[in-house]
């Protein structure tokens, strides 16, 4: 894997998640494998550790990886079990992260007093 494409309109964490998803589909990382630490992925793609954490969270929400406190992050699904990015429930739709959009909407509703 190499640096992210600066011409890609998606947020960096979505690009990182997409590249990692591709690696899972290609079985670069197989079920049960330990993924590299956040800093190693950040260095590889030229992004911040926070960006990698956000990408890992997205993949965890999609149940492709699991993080065990103090042990690291492990692959839950690889190969054909990994859906393409377009079919990922927590992924992006035309460059829009649906989970992030939902969080933002909830925050606005709370500020307006429309949500608990």
Protein backbone atom coordinates (compact mmCIF):
# COMPACT_ATOMS: atom_id res chain seq x y z
CA UNK A 1 0.00 0.00 0.00
CA UNK A 2 1.13 3.55 -0.58
CA UNK A 3 0.15 7.14 0.16
CA UNK A 4 -3.41 8.32 -0.38
CA UNK A 5 -4.56 9.93 -3.61
CA UNK A 6 -4.75 13.72 -3.05
CA UNK A 7 -7.24 13.98 -5.92
CA UNK A 8 -9.69 11.63 -4.14
CA UNK A 9 -12.60 13.71 -2.79
CA UNK A 10 -13.33 11.29 0.05
CA UNK A 11 -12.18 12.10 3.59
CA UNK A 12 -8.76 10.57 4.40
CA UNK A 13 -10.21 8.12 6.94
CA UNK A 14 -12.61 6.80 4.28
CA UNK A 15 -9.69 6.34 1.90
CA UNK A 16 -7.69 4.48 4.57
CA UNK A 17 -10.69 2.30 5.45
CA UNK A 18 -11.20 1.56 1.75
CA UNK A 19 -7.58 0.56 1.24
CA UNK A 20 -7.66 -1.67 4.33
CA UNK A 21 -10.96 -3.18 3.15
CA UNK A 22 -9.29 -3.97 -0.19
CA UNK A 23 -6.39 -5.62 1.68
CA UNK A 24 -8.88 -7.75 3.63
CA UNK A 25 -10.65 -8.78 0.42
CA UNK A 26 -7.31 -9.68 -1.18
CA UNK A 27 -6.41 -11.62 1.97
CA UNK A 28 -3.29 -9.56 2.57
CA UNK A 29 -4.63 -9.81 6.11
CA UNK A 30 -6.53 -13.03 6.89
CA UNK A 31 -9.09 -13.85 9.53
CA UNK A 32 -7.37 -13.88 12.93
CA UNK A 33 -4.35 -11.85 11.80
CA UNK A 34 -3.28 -8.91 13.92
CA UNK A 35 -3.39 -5.62 12.04
CA UNK A 36 -0.49 -3.17 12.26
CA UNK A 37 -0.72 -0.57 15.04
CA UNK A 38 -2.25 2.82 14.30
CA UNK A 39 1.13 4.55 14.02
CA UNK A 40 2.40 2.06 11.41
CA UNK A 41 -0.67 2.58 9.22
CA UNK A 42 -0.48 6.36 9.73
CA UNK A 43 3.15 6.35 8.58
CA UNK A 44 2.34 4.11 5.61
CA UNK A 45 -0.42 6.37 4.30
CA UNK A 46 1.00 9.70 5.46
CA UNK A 47 -1.97 10.52 7.71
CA UNK A 48 -2.48 11.19 11.42
CA UNK A 49 -3.06 8.49 14.02
CA UNK A 50 -6.53 9.98 14.58
CA UNK A 51 -7.38 9.35 10.92
CA UNK A 52 -6.35 5.71 11.29
CA UNK A 53 -8.37 5.33 14.50
CA UNK A 54 -11.41 6.64 12.68
CA UNK A 55 -10.82 4.22 9.78
CA UNK A 56 -10.43 1.31 12.22
CA UNK A 57 -13.66 2.35 13.97
CA UNK A 58 -15.50 2.29 10.64
CA UNK A 59 -14.19 -1.20 9.84
CA UNK A 60 -15.07 -2.32 13.36
CA UNK A 61 -18.62 -0.97 12.90
CA UNK A 62 -18.79 -3.08 9.74
CA UNK A 63 -17.67 -6.08 11.84
CA UNK A 64 -14.61 -6.66 9.67
CA UNK A 65 -12.12 -6.15 12.51
CA UNK A 66 -12.19 -6.28 16.30
CA UNK A 67 -10.04 -4.38 18.80
CA UNK A 68 -9.05 -6.03 22.06
CA UNK A 69 -7.87 -3.62 24.74
CA UNK A 70 -4.16 -4.07 25.36
CA UNK A 71 -3.79 -6.72 22.65
CA UNK A 72 -4.37 -4.96 19.35
CA UNK A 73 -6.74 -5.11 16.40
CA UNK A 74 -7.57 -8.38 14.67
CA UNK A 75 -9.25 -9.40 11.42
CA UNK A 76 -12.74 -10.85 11.82
CA UNK A 77 -13.48 -11.30 8.11
CA UNK A 78 -11.36 -11.56 5.00
CA UNK A 79 -11.58 -12.62 1.38
CA UNK A 80 -15.04 -13.04 -0.11
CA UNK A 81 -16.65 -12.30 3.30
CA UNK A 82 -15.63 -8.64 2.92
CA UNK A 83 -18.22 -6.65 0.98
CA UNK A 84 -17.05 -4.17 -1.63
CA UNK A 85 -16.90 -0.57 -0.37
CA UNK A 86 -20.16 0.34 -2.12
CA UNK A 87 -22.03 -2.39 -0.20
CA UNK A 88 -20.54 -1.62 3.22
CA UNK A 89 -23.35 -0.57 5.59
CA UNK A 90 -21.19 1.88 7.56
CA UNK A 91 -19.28 3.06 4.54
CA UNK A 92 -19.60 5.96 2.21
CA UNK A 93 -22.33 6.65 -0.28
CA UNK A 94 -21.13 8.95 -3.04
CA UNK A 95 -18.37 10.21 -0.73
CA UNK A 96 -20.70 10.84 2.22
CA UNK A 97 -20.07 8.92 5.42
CA UNK A 98 -23.58 8.05 6.60
CA UNK A 99 -22.59 7.37 10.23
CA UNK A 100 -20.82 10.75 10.43
CA UNK A 101 -23.81 12.48 8.84
CA UNK A 102 -26.12 10.88 11.41
CA UNK A 103 -23.87 12.01 14.31
CA UNK A 104 -23.84 15.56 12.96
CA UNK A 105 -27.60 15.63 12.52
CA UNK A 106 -28.12 14.38 16.09
CA UNK A 107 -25.78 17.11 17.39
CA UNK A 108 -27.73 19.80 15.52
CA UNK A 109 -31.05 18.44 16.81
CA UNK A 110 -29.72 18.54 20.38
CA UNK A 111 -28.57 22.16 19.96
CA UNK A 112 -32.02 23.06 18.70
CA UNK A 113 -33.69 21.18 21.55
CA UNK A 114 -35.33 18.70 19.19
CA UNK A 115 -33.60 15.60 20.57
CA UNK A 116 -32.96 14.36 24.12
